[in-house]
PDB file of all heavy atoms in Angstrom:
ATOM      1  N   THR A   1      -1.446  -1.505  -5.188  1.00  0.00           N
ATOM      2  CA  THR A   1      -2.880  -1.566  -4.946  1.00  0.00           C
ATOM      3  C   THR A   1      -3.603  -0.499  -5.754  1.00  0.00           C
ATOM      4  O   THR A   1      -3.105   0.620  -5.895  1.00  0.00           O
ATOM      5  CB  THR A   1      -3.203  -1.399  -3.452  1.00  0.00           C
ATOM      6  OG1 THR A   1      -4.633  -1.363  -3.258  1.00  0.00           O
ATOM      7  CG2 THR A   1      -2.609  -0.110  -2.885  1.00  0.00           C
ATOM      8  N   ASP A   2      -4.763  -0.858  -6.259  1.00  0.00           N
ATOM      9  CA  ASP A   2      -5.636   0.114  -6.925  1.00  0.00           C
ATOM     10  C   ASP A   2      -6.569   0.797  -5.939  1.00  0.00           C
ATOM     11  O   ASP A   2      -7.275   1.742  -6.299  1.00  0.00           O
ATOM     12  CB  ASP A   2      -6.502  -0.592  -7.983  1.00  0.00           C
ATOM     13  CG  ASP A   2      -5.804  -0.655  -9.333  1.00  0.00           C
ATOM     14  OD1 ASP A   2      -4.840   0.091  -9.542  1.00  0.00           O
ATOM     15  OD2 ASP A   2      -6.243  -1.445 -10.177  1.00  0.00           O
ATOM     16  N   GLY A   3      -6.604   0.290  -4.711  1.00  0.00           N
ATOM     17  CA  GLY A   3      -7.557   0.794  -3.732  1.00  0.00           C
ATOM     18  C   GLY A   3      -6.881   1.486  -2.574  1.00  0.00           C
ATOM     19  O   GLY A   3      -5.783   2.033  -2.701  1.00  0.00           O
ATOM     20  N   GLY A   4      -7.554   1.456  -1.429  1.00  0.00           N
ATOM     21  CA  GLY A   4      -7.025   2.014  -0.200  1.00  0.00           C
ATOM     22  C   GLY A   4      -6.633   0.886   0.726  1.00  0.00           C
ATOM     23  O   GLY A   4      -7.455   0.369   1.474  1.00  0.00           O
ATOM     24  N   LEU A   5      -5.368   0.494   0.682  1.00  0.00           N
ATOM     25  CA  LEU A   5      -4.905  -0.663   1.440  1.00  0.00           C
ATOM     26  C   LEU A   5      -4.213  -0.256   2.732  1.00  0.00           C
ATOM     27  O   LEU A   5      -4.423  -0.873   3.769  1.00  0.00           O
ATOM     28  CB  LEU A   5      -3.959  -1.497   0.568  1.00  0.00           C
ATOM     29  CG  LEU A   5      -3.571  -2.884   1.048  1.00  0.00           C
ATOM     30  CD1 LEU A   5      -4.788  -3.752   1.300  1.00  0.00           C
ATOM     31  CD2 LEU A   5      -2.659  -3.554   0.030  1.00  0.00           C
ATOM     32  N   GLY A   6      -3.380   0.787   2.644  1.00  0.00           N
ATOM     33  CA  GLY A   6      -2.691   1.270   3.835  1.00  0.00           C
ATOM     34  C   GLY A   6      -2.891   2.757   4.010  1.00  0.00           C
ATOM     35  O   GLY A   6      -2.145   3.425   4.717  1.00  0.00           O
ATOM     36  N   GLY A   7      -3.911   3.288   3.362  1.00  0.00           N
ATOM     37  CA  GLY A   7      -4.214   4.713   3.379  1.00  0.00           C
ATOM     38  C   GLY A   7      -5.006   5.064   2.148  1.00  0.00           C
ATOM     39  O   GLY A   7      -5.268   4.198   1.302  1.00  0.00           O
ATOM     40  N   PRO A   8      -5.405   6.318   1.970  1.00  0.00           N
ATOM     41  CA  PRO A   8      -6.166   6.705   0.784  1.00  0.00           C
ATOM     42  C   PRO A   8      -5.317   6.607  -0.480  1.00  0.00           C
ATOM     43  O   PRO A   8      -4.113   6.846  -0.453  1.00  0.00           O
ATOM     44  CB  PRO A   8      -6.564   8.154   1.071  1.00  0.00           C
ATOM     45  CG  PRO A   8      -5.544   8.634   2.050  1.00  0.00           C
ATOM     46  CD  PRO A   8      -5.188   7.450   2.883  1.00  0.00           C
ATOM     47  N   ASN A   9      -5.930   6.242  -1.587  1.00  0.00           N
ATOM     48  CA  ASN A   9      -5.231   6.161  -2.858  1.00  0.00           C
ATOM     49  C   ASN A   9      -4.824   7.551  -3.317  1.00  0.00           C
ATOM     50  O   ASN A   9      -5.621   8.488  -3.280  1.00  0.00           O
ATOM     51  CB  ASN A   9      -6.113   5.477  -3.902  1.00  0.00           C
ATOM     52  CG  ASN A   9      -5.341   5.075  -5.143  1.00  0.00           C
ATOM     53  OD1 ASN A   9      -5.003   5.917  -5.959  1.00  0.00           O
ATOM     54  ND2 ASN A   9      -5.081   3.796  -5.287  1.00  0.00           N
ATOM     55  N   ALA A  10      -3.564   7.684  -3.750  1.00  0.00           N
ATOM     56  CA  ALA A  10      -3.031   8.998  -4.105  1.00  0.00           C
ATOM     57  C   ALA A  10      -3.486   9.484  -5.473  1.00  0.00           C
ATOM     58  O   ALA A  10      -3.351  10.662  -5.779  1.00  0.00           O
ATOM     59  CB  ALA A  10      -1.505   8.972  -4.059  1.00  0.00           C
ATOM     60  N   GLY A  11      -4.001   8.583  -6.305  1.00  0.00           N
ATOM     61  CA  GLY A  11      -4.402   8.992  -7.643  1.00  0.00           C
ATOM     62  C   GLY A  11      -5.608   8.220  -8.124  1.00  0.00           C
ATOM     63  O   GLY A  11      -6.474   7.868  -7.327  1.00  0.00           O
ATOM     64  N   ASP A  12      -5.634   7.954  -9.418  1.00  0.00           N
ATOM     65  CA  ASP A  12      -6.765   7.228  -9.974  1.00  0.00           C
ATOM     66  C   ASP A  12      -6.344   5.849 -10.470  1.00  0.00           C
ATOM     67  O   ASP A  12      -7.042   5.224 -11.261  1.00  0.00           O
ATOM     68  CB  ASP A  12      -7.399   8.022 -11.119  1.00  0.00           C
ATOM     69  CG  ASP A  12      -6.382   8.403 -12.205  1.00  0.00           C
ATOM     70  OD1 ASP A  12      -5.211   8.003 -12.071  1.00  0.00           O
ATOM     71  OD2 ASP A  12      -6.786   9.088 -13.158  1.00  0.00           O
ATOM     72  N   SER A  13      -5.161   5.383 -10.012  1.00  0.00           N
ATOM     73  CA  SER A  13      -4.694   4.054 -10.408  1.00  0.00           C
ATOM     74  C   SER A  13      -3.884   3.463  -9.255  1.00  0.00           C
ATOM     75  O   SER A  13      -4.258   3.599  -8.107  1.00  0.00           O
ATOM     76  CB  SER A  13      -3.893   4.127 -11.707  1.00  0.00           C
ATOM     77  OG  SER A  13      -2.814   5.031 -11.602  1.00  0.00           O
ATOM     78  N   ALA A  14      -2.736   2.829  -9.559  1.00  0.00           N
ATOM     79  CA  ALA A  14      -2.035   2.043  -8.557  1.00  0.00           C
ATOM     80  C   ALA A  14      -1.124   2.877  -7.661  1.00  0.00           C
ATOM     81  O   ALA A  14      -0.464   3.802  -8.116  1.00  0.00           O
ATOM     82  CB  ALA A  14      -1.215   0.961  -9.236  1.00  0.00           C
ATOM     83  N   ASP A  15      -1.088   2.502  -6.391  1.00  0.00           N
ATOM     84  CA  ASP A  15      -0.135   2.997  -5.406  1.00  0.00           C
ATOM     85  C   ASP A  15       0.747   1.843  -4.944  1.00  0.00           C
ATOM     86  O   ASP A  15       0.362   0.673  -5.011  1.00  0.00           O
ATOM     87  CB  ASP A  15      -0.843   3.548  -4.163  1.00  0.00           C
ATOM     88  CG  ASP A  15      -1.457   4.915  -4.368  1.00  0.00           C
ATOM     89  OD1 ASP A  15      -1.284   5.499  -5.452  1.00  0.00           O
ATOM     90  OD2 ASP A  15      -2.133   5.376  -3.433  1.00  0.00           O
ATOM     91  N   VAL A  16       1.924   2.163  -4.428  1.00  0.00           N
ATOM     92  CA  VAL A  16       2.785   1.186  -3.774  1.00  0.00           C
ATOM     93  C   VAL A  16       2.238   0.871  -2.388  1.00  0.00           C
ATOM     94  O   VAL A  16       1.737   1.761  -1.692  1.00  0.00           O
ATOM     95  CB  VAL A  16       4.221   1.731  -3.647  1.00  0.00           C
ATOM     96  CG1 VAL A  16       5.098   0.794  -2.825  1.00  0.00           C
ATOM     97  CG2 VAL A  16       4.821   1.971  -5.026  1.00  0.00           C
ATOM     98  N   PHE A  17       2.328  -0.395  -1.976  1.00  0.00           N
ATOM     99  CA  PHE A  17       2.091  -0.719  -0.573  1.00  0.00           C
ATOM    100  C   PHE A  17       3.298  -1.477  -0.031  1.00  0.00           C
ATOM    101  O   PHE A  17       4.011  -2.173  -0.756  1.00  0.00           O
ATOM    102  CB  PHE A  17       0.806  -1.529  -0.364  1.00  0.00           C
ATOM    103  CG  PHE A  17       0.940  -3.005  -0.646  1.00  0.00           C
ATOM    104  CD1 PHE A  17       1.453  -3.879   0.307  1.00  0.00           C
ATOM    105  CD2 PHE A  17       0.552  -3.524  -1.870  1.00  0.00           C
ATOM    106  CE1 PHE A  17       1.601  -5.230   0.037  1.00  0.00           C
ATOM    107  CE2 PHE A  17       0.679  -4.875  -2.147  1.00  0.00           C
ATOM    108  CZ  PHE A  17       1.210  -5.736  -1.191  1.00  0.00           C
ATOM    109  N   LEU A  18       3.536  -1.330   1.257  1.00  0.00           N
ATOM    110  CA  LEU A  18       4.599  -2.013   1.976  1.00  0.00           C
ATOM    111  C   LEU A  18       4.052  -2.413   3.333  1.00  0.00           C
ATOM    112  O   LEU A  18       3.494  -1.573   4.052  1.00  0.00           O
ATOM    113  CB  LEU A  18       5.811  -1.097   2.144  1.00  0.00           C
ATOM    114  CG  LEU A  18       6.968  -1.622   2.985  1.00  0.00           C
ATOM    115  CD1 LEU A  18       7.630  -2.811   2.313  1.00  0.00           C
ATOM    116  CD2 LEU A  18       7.999  -0.509   3.230  1.00  0.00           C
ATOM    117  N   ALA A  19       4.178  -3.685   3.691  1.00  0.00           N
ATOM    118  CA  ALA A  19       3.632  -4.178   4.951  1.00  0.00           C
ATOM    119  C   ALA A  19       4.657  -5.054   5.655  1.00  0.00           C
ATOM    120  O   ALA A  19       5.530  -5.654   5.022  1.00  0.00           O
ATOM    121  CB  ALA A  19       2.355  -4.967   4.718  1.00  0.00           C
ATOM    122  N   ARG A  20       4.534  -5.117   6.962  1.00  0.00           N
ATOM    123  CA  ARG A  20       5.396  -5.987   7.767  1.00  0.00           C
ATOM    124  C   ARG A  20       4.536  -6.985   8.538  1.00  0.00           C
ATOM    125  O   ARG A  20       3.534  -6.599   9.159  1.00  0.00           O
ATOM    126  CB  ARG A  20       6.240  -5.181   8.741  1.00  0.00           C
ATOM    127  CG  ARG A  20       7.200  -6.030   9.572  1.00  0.00           C
ATOM    128  CD  ARG A  20       8.025  -5.195  10.539  1.00  0.00           C
ATOM    129  NE  ARG A  20       8.925  -6.032  11.316  1.00  0.00           N
ATOM    130  CZ  ARG A  20       9.663  -5.601  12.329  1.00  0.00           C
ATOM    131  NH1 ARG A  20       9.614  -4.315  12.671  1.00  0.00           N
ATOM    132  NH2 ARG A  20      10.453  -6.421  12.986  1.00  0.00           N
ATOM    133  N   TYR A  21       4.926  -8.258   8.454  1.00  0.00           N
ATOM    134  CA  TYR A  21       4.242  -9.338   9.168  1.00  0.00           C
ATOM    135  C   TYR A  21       5.239 -10.046  10.081  1.00  0.00           C
ATOM    136  O   TYR A  21       6.419 -10.181   9.736  1.00  0.00           O
ATOM    137  CB  TYR A  21       3.660 -10.354   8.178  1.00  0.00           C
ATOM    138  CG  TYR A  21       2.326  -9.930   7.604  1.00  0.00           C
ATOM    139  CD1 TYR A  21       2.251  -8.912   6.670  1.00  0.00           C
ATOM    140  CD2 TYR A  21       1.148 -10.531   8.012  1.00  0.00           C
ATOM    141  CE1 TYR A  21       1.030  -8.508   6.147  1.00  0.00           C
ATOM    142  CE2 TYR A  21      -0.088 -10.136   7.498  1.00  0.00           C
ATOM    143  CZ  TYR A  21      -0.135  -9.125   6.570  1.00  0.00           C
ATOM    144  OH  TYR A  21      -1.352  -8.722   6.067  1.00  0.00           O
ATOM    145  N   ASP A  22       4.769 -10.513  11.250  1.00  0.00           N
ATOM    146  CA  ASP A  22       5.646 -11.244  12.147  1.00  0.00           C
ATOM    147  C   ASP A  22       5.693 -12.723  11.772  1.00  0.00           C
ATOM    148  O   ASP A  22       5.054 -13.164  10.814  1.00  0.00           O
ATOM    149  CB  ASP A  22       5.249 -11.025  13.611  1.00  0.00           C
ATOM    150  CG  ASP A  22       3.898 -11.633  13.984  1.00  0.00           C
ATOM    151  OD1 ASP A  22       3.372 -12.499  13.249  1.00  0.00           O
ATOM    152  OD2 ASP A  22       3.370 -11.259  15.047  1.00  0.00           O
ATOM    153  N   SER A  23       6.443 -13.503  12.522  1.00  0.00           N
ATOM    154  CA  SER A  23       6.667 -14.906  12.189  1.00  0.00           C
ATOM    155  C   SER A  23       5.408 -15.758  12.292  1.00  0.00           C
ATOM    156  O   SER A  23       5.346 -16.852  11.725  1.00  0.00           O
ATOM    157  CB  SER A  23       7.752 -15.496  13.098  1.00  0.00           C
ATOM    158  OG  SER A  23       7.356 -15.417  14.459  1.00  0.00           O
ATOM    159  N   ALA A  24       4.396 -15.257  13.002  1.00  0.00           N
ATOM    160  CA  ALA A  24       3.139 -15.988  13.163  1.00  0.00           C
ATOM    161  C   ALA A  24       2.072 -15.557  12.168  1.00  0.00           C
ATOM    162  O   ALA A  24       0.944 -16.057  12.209  1.00  0.00           O
ATOM    163  CB  ALA A  24       2.609 -15.809  14.590  1.00  0.00           C
ATOM    164  N   GLY A  25       2.412 -14.614  11.283  1.00  0.00           N
ATOM    165  CA  GLY A  25       1.455 -14.175  10.271  1.00  0.00           C
ATOM    166  C   GLY A  25       0.584 -13.015  10.681  1.00  0.00           C
ATOM    167  O   GLY A  25      -0.414 -12.732  10.018  1.00  0.00           O
ATOM    168  N   ASN A  26       0.970 -12.298  11.738  1.00  0.00           N
ATOM    169  CA  ASN A  26       0.213 -11.124  12.175  1.00  0.00           C
ATOM    170  C   ASN A  26       0.759  -9.871  11.496  1.00  0.00           C
ATOM    171  O   ASN A  26       1.981  -9.662  11.449  1.00  0.00           O
ATOM    172  CB  ASN A  26       0.319 -10.951  13.697  1.00  0.00           C
ATOM    173  CG  ASN A  26      -0.188 -12.152  14.448  1.00  0.00           C
ATOM    174  OD1 ASN A  26      -1.341 -12.550  14.291  1.00  0.00           O
ATOM    175  ND2 ASN A  26       0.666 -12.756  15.269  1.00  0.00           N
ATOM    176  N   GLU A  27      -0.139  -9.027  10.979  1.00  0.00           N
ATOM    177  CA  GLU A  27       0.286  -7.769  10.369  1.00  0.00           C
ATOM    178  C   GLU A  27       0.697  -6.796  11.458  1.00  0.00           C
ATOM    179  O   GLU A  27      -0.063  -6.489  12.367  1.00  0.00           O
ATOM    180  CB  GLU A  27      -0.841  -7.171   9.537  1.00  0.00           C
ATOM    181  CG  GLU A  27      -0.432  -5.902   8.797  1.00  0.00           C
ATOM    182  CD  GLU A  27      -1.588  -5.246   8.081  1.00  0.00           C
ATOM    183  OE1 GLU A  27      -1.992  -5.764   7.013  1.00  0.00           O
ATOM    184  OE2 GLU A  27      -2.105  -4.237   8.590  1.00  0.00           O
ATOM    185  N   LEU A  28       1.920  -6.271  11.365  1.00  0.00           N
ATOM    186  CA  LEU A  28       2.427  -5.297  12.324  1.00  0.00           C
ATOM    187  C   LEU A  28       2.140  -3.874  11.875  1.00  0.00           C
ATOM    188  O   LEU A  28       1.819  -3.021  12.694  1.00  0.00           O
ATOM    189  CB  LEU A  28       3.933  -5.507  12.526  1.00  0.00           C
ATOM    190  CG  LEU A  28       4.336  -6.896  13.034  1.00  0.00           C
ATOM    191  CD1 LEU A  28       5.844  -6.980  13.195  1.00  0.00           C
ATOM    192  CD2 LEU A  28       3.632  -7.232  14.339  1.00  0.00           C
ATOM    193  N   TRP A  29       2.296  -3.612  10.578  1.00  0.00           N
ATOM    194  CA  TRP A  29       1.922  -2.314  10.013  1.00  0.00           C
ATOM    195  C   TRP A  29       1.854  -2.432   8.501  1.00  0.00           C
ATOM    196  O   TRP A  29       2.358  -3.379   7.904  1.00  0.00           O
ATOM    197  CB  TRP A  29       2.872  -1.196  10.438  1.00  0.00           C
ATOM    198  CG  TRP A  29       4.348  -1.436  10.275  1.00  0.00           C
ATOM    199  CD1 TRP A  29       5.254  -1.736  11.254  1.00  0.00           C
ATOM    200  CD2 TRP A  29       5.114  -1.372   9.044  1.00  0.00           C
ATOM    201  NE1 TRP A  29       6.520  -1.860  10.720  1.00  0.00           N
ATOM    202  CE2 TRP A  29       6.459  -1.642   9.372  1.00  0.00           C
ATOM    203  CE3 TRP A  29       4.792  -1.095   7.726  1.00  0.00           C
ATOM    204  CZ2 TRP A  29       7.485  -1.653   8.422  1.00  0.00           C
ATOM    205  CZ3 TRP A  29       5.801  -1.117   6.758  1.00  0.00           C
ATOM    206  CH2 TRP A  29       7.125  -1.394   7.119  1.00  0.00           C
ATOM    207  N   ILE A  30       1.219  -1.421   7.893  1.00  0.00           N
ATOM    208  CA  ILE A  30       1.135  -1.343   6.439  1.00  0.00           C
ATOM    209  C   ILE A  30       1.166   0.126   6.030  1.00  0.00           C
ATOM    210  O   ILE A  30       0.590   0.982   6.715  1.00  0.00           O
ATOM    211  CB  ILE A  30      -0.118  -2.061   5.893  1.00  0.00           C
ATOM    212  CG1 ILE A  30      -0.091  -2.144   4.360  1.00  0.00           C
ATOM    213  CG2 ILE A  30      -1.405  -1.422   6.388  1.00  0.00           C
ATOM    214  CD1 ILE A  30      -1.104  -3.103   3.785  1.00  0.00           C
ATOM    215  N   ARG A  31       1.871   0.417   4.941  1.00  0.00           N
ATOM    216  CA  ARG A  31       1.993   1.782   4.429  1.00  0.00           C
ATOM    217  C   ARG A  31       1.617   1.790   2.950  1.00  0.00           C
ATOM    218  O   ARG A  31       1.848   0.818   2.224  1.00  0.00           O
ATOM    219  CB  ARG A  31       3.426   2.298   4.582  1.00  0.00           C
ATOM    220  CG  ARG A  31       3.974   2.251   6.005  1.00  0.00           C
ATOM    221  CD  ARG A  31       3.320   3.292   6.899  1.00  0.00           C
ATOM    222  NE  ARG A  31       3.960   3.327   8.204  1.00  0.00           N
ATOM    223  CZ  ARG A  31       3.538   2.637   9.259  1.00  0.00           C
ATOM    224  NH1 ARG A  31       2.476   1.843   9.142  1.00  0.00           N
ATOM    225  NH2 ARG A  31       4.167   2.728  10.419  1.00  0.00           N
ATOM    226  N   GLN A  32       1.079   2.901   2.508  1.00  0.00           N
ATOM    227  CA  GLN A  32       0.715   3.085   1.101  1.00  0.00           C
ATOM    228  C   GLN A  32       1.186   4.458   0.640  1.00  0.00           C
ATOM    229  O   GLN A  32       1.046   5.444   1.370  1.00  0.00           O
ATOM    230  CB  GLN A  32      -0.801   2.963   0.931  1.00  0.00           C
ATOM    231  CG  GLN A  32      -1.296   3.128  -0.503  1.00  0.00           C
ATOM    232  CD  GLN A  32      -2.775   2.804  -0.651  1.00  0.00           C
ATOM    233  OE1 GLN A  32      -3.352   2.068   0.150  1.00  0.00           O
ATOM    234  NE2 GLN A  32      -3.401   3.342  -1.675  1.00  0.00           N
ATOM    235  N   PHE A  33       1.779   4.518  -0.545  1.00  0.00           N
ATOM    236  CA  PHE A  33       2.215   5.815  -1.064  1.00  0.00           C
ATOM    237  C   PHE A  33       2.248   5.761  -2.586  1.00  0.00           C
ATOM    238  O   PHE A  33       2.338   4.690  -3.192  1.00  0.00           O
ATOM    239  CB  PHE A  33       3.589   6.205  -0.503  1.00  0.00           C
ATOM    240  CG  PHE A  33       4.714   5.278  -0.878  1.00  0.00           C
ATOM    241  CD1 PHE A  33       5.520   5.520  -1.977  1.00  0.00           C
ATOM    242  CD2 PHE A  33       4.972   4.145  -0.114  1.00  0.00           C
ATOM    243  CE1 PHE A  33       6.557   4.676  -2.321  1.00  0.00           C
ATOM    244  CE2 PHE A  33       6.012   3.282  -0.449  1.00  0.00           C
ATOM    245  CZ  PHE A  33       6.805   3.545  -1.554  1.00  0.00           C
ATOM    246  N   GLY A  34       2.169   6.932  -3.202  1.00  0.00           N
ATOM    247  CA  GLY A  34       2.205   6.993  -4.654  1.00  0.00           C
ATOM    248  C   GLY A  34       1.899   8.377  -5.175  1.00  0.00           C
ATOM    249  O   GLY A  34       1.759   9.339  -4.416  1.00  0.00           O
ATOM    250  N   THR A  35       1.800   8.461  -6.482  1.00  0.00           N
ATOM    251  CA  THR A  35       1.446   9.687  -7.169  1.00  0.00           C
ATOM    252  C   THR A  35       0.038   9.530  -7.739  1.00  0.00           C
ATOM    253  O   THR A  35      -0.620   8.519  -7.514  1.00  0.00           O
ATOM    254  CB  THR A  35       2.428   9.956  -8.319  1.00  0.00           C
ATOM    255  OG1 THR A  35       2.223   8.965  -9.349  1.00  0.00           O
ATOM    256  CG2 THR A  35       3.868   9.882  -7.842  1.00  0.00           C
ATOM    257  N   ARG A  36      -0.394  10.479  -8.535  1.00  0.00           N
ATOM    258  CA  ARG A  36      -1.702  10.332  -9.157  1.00  0.00           C
ATOM    259  C   ARG A  36      -1.656   9.430 -10.385  1.00  0.00           C
ATOM    260  O   ARG A  36      -2.678   9.130 -10.987  1.00  0.00           O
ATOM    261  CB  ARG A  36      -2.294  11.689  -9.523  1.00  0.00           C
ATOM    262  CG  ARG A  36      -1.480  12.490 -10.511  1.00  0.00           C
ATOM    263  CD  ARG A  36      -2.087  13.872 -10.705  1.00  0.00           C
ATOM    264  NE  ARG A  36      -1.350  14.672 -11.677  1.00  0.00           N
ATOM    265  CZ  ARG A  36      -1.564  14.644 -12.985  1.00  0.00           C
ATOM    266  NH1 ARG A  36      -2.513  13.854 -13.467  1.00  0.00           N
ATOM    267  NH2 ARG A  36      -0.857  15.396 -13.804  1.00  0.00           N
ATOM    268  N   GLY A  37      -0.435   8.985 -10.729  1.00  0.00           N
ATOM    269  CA  GLY A  37      -0.270   8.033 -11.816  1.00  0.00           C
ATOM    270  C   GLY A  37      -0.181   6.607 -11.296  1.00  0.00           C
ATOM    271  O   GLY A  37      -0.680   6.285 -10.217  1.00  0.00           O
ATOM    272  N   TRP A  38       0.503   5.746 -12.058  1.00  0.00           N
ATOM    273  CA  TRP A  38       0.645   4.333 -11.714  1.00  0.00           C
ATOM    274  C   TRP A  38       1.997   4.113 -11.041  1.00  0.00           C
ATOM    275  O   TRP A  38       3.037   4.417 -11.611  1.00  0.00           O
ATOM    276  CB  TRP A  38       0.550   3.479 -12.980  1.00  0.00           C
ATOM    277  CG  TRP A  38       0.549   1.999 -12.725  1.00  0.00           C
ATOM    278  CD1 TRP A  38       1.612   1.223 -12.355  1.00  0.00           C
ATOM    279  CD2 TRP A  38      -0.567   1.113 -12.830  1.00  0.00           C
ATOM    280  NE1 TRP A  38       1.239  -0.081 -12.217  1.00  0.00           N
ATOM    281  CE2 TRP A  38      -0.101  -0.184 -12.510  1.00  0.00           C
ATOM    282  CE3 TRP A  38      -1.907   1.285 -13.183  1.00  0.00           C
ATOM    283  CZ2 TRP A  38      -0.936  -1.303 -12.520  1.00  0.00           C
ATOM    284  CZ3 TRP A  38      -2.736   0.176 -13.197  1.00  0.00           C
ATOM    285  CH2 TRP A  38      -2.250  -1.097 -12.866  1.00  0.00           C
ATOM    286  N   ASP A  39       1.972   3.565  -9.822  1.00  0.00           N
ATOM    287  CA  ASP A  39       3.183   3.331  -9.044  1.00  0.00           C
ATOM    288  C   ASP A  39       3.172   1.900  -8.531  1.00  0.00           C
ATOM    289  O   ASP A  39       2.157   1.447  -7.987  1.00  0.00           O
ATOM    290  CB  ASP A  39       3.264   4.292  -7.858  1.00  0.00           C
ATOM    291  CG  ASP A  39       2.929   5.718  -8.248  1.00  0.00           C
ATOM    292  OD1 ASP A  39       3.741   6.336  -8.946  1.00  0.00           O
ATOM    293  OD2 ASP A  39       1.840   6.189  -7.880  1.00  0.00           O
ATOM    294  N   GLU A  40       4.284   1.202  -8.675  1.00  0.00           N
ATOM    295  CA  GLU A  40       4.329  -0.166  -8.177  1.00  0.00           C
ATOM    296  C   GLU A  40       5.699  -0.493  -7.618  1.00  0.00           C
ATOM    297  O   GLU A  40       6.720   0.047  -8.065  1.00  0.00           O
ATOM    298  CB  GLU A  40       3.967  -1.169  -9.263  1.00  0.00           C
ATOM    299  CG  GLU A  40       4.884  -1.210 -10.459  1.00  0.00           C
ATOM    300  CD  GLU A  40       4.454  -2.255 -11.473  1.00  0.00           C
ATOM    301  OE1 GLU A  40       3.583  -1.934 -12.307  1.00  0.00           O
ATOM    302  OE2 GLU A  40       4.988  -3.368 -11.421  1.00  0.00           O
ATOM    303  N   ALA A  41       5.737  -1.364  -6.603  1.00  0.00           N
ATOM    304  CA  ALA A  41       6.975  -1.870  -6.026  1.00  0.00           C
ATOM    305  C   ALA A  41       7.329  -3.184  -6.701  1.00  0.00           C
ATOM    306  O   ALA A  41       6.461  -4.032  -6.917  1.00  0.00           O
ATOM    307  CB  ALA A  41       6.822  -2.079  -4.527  1.00  0.00           C
TER     308      ALA A  41
END
């Protein structure tokens, strides 16, 4: 993500995001992490 999807953006470009959804399509949690550079999963 280039934005704040699971928390504040760590830099001025992309952060990794990781989310968990249940079998019905409900979001259980989401996490965001990265450096001030470009990070992707």
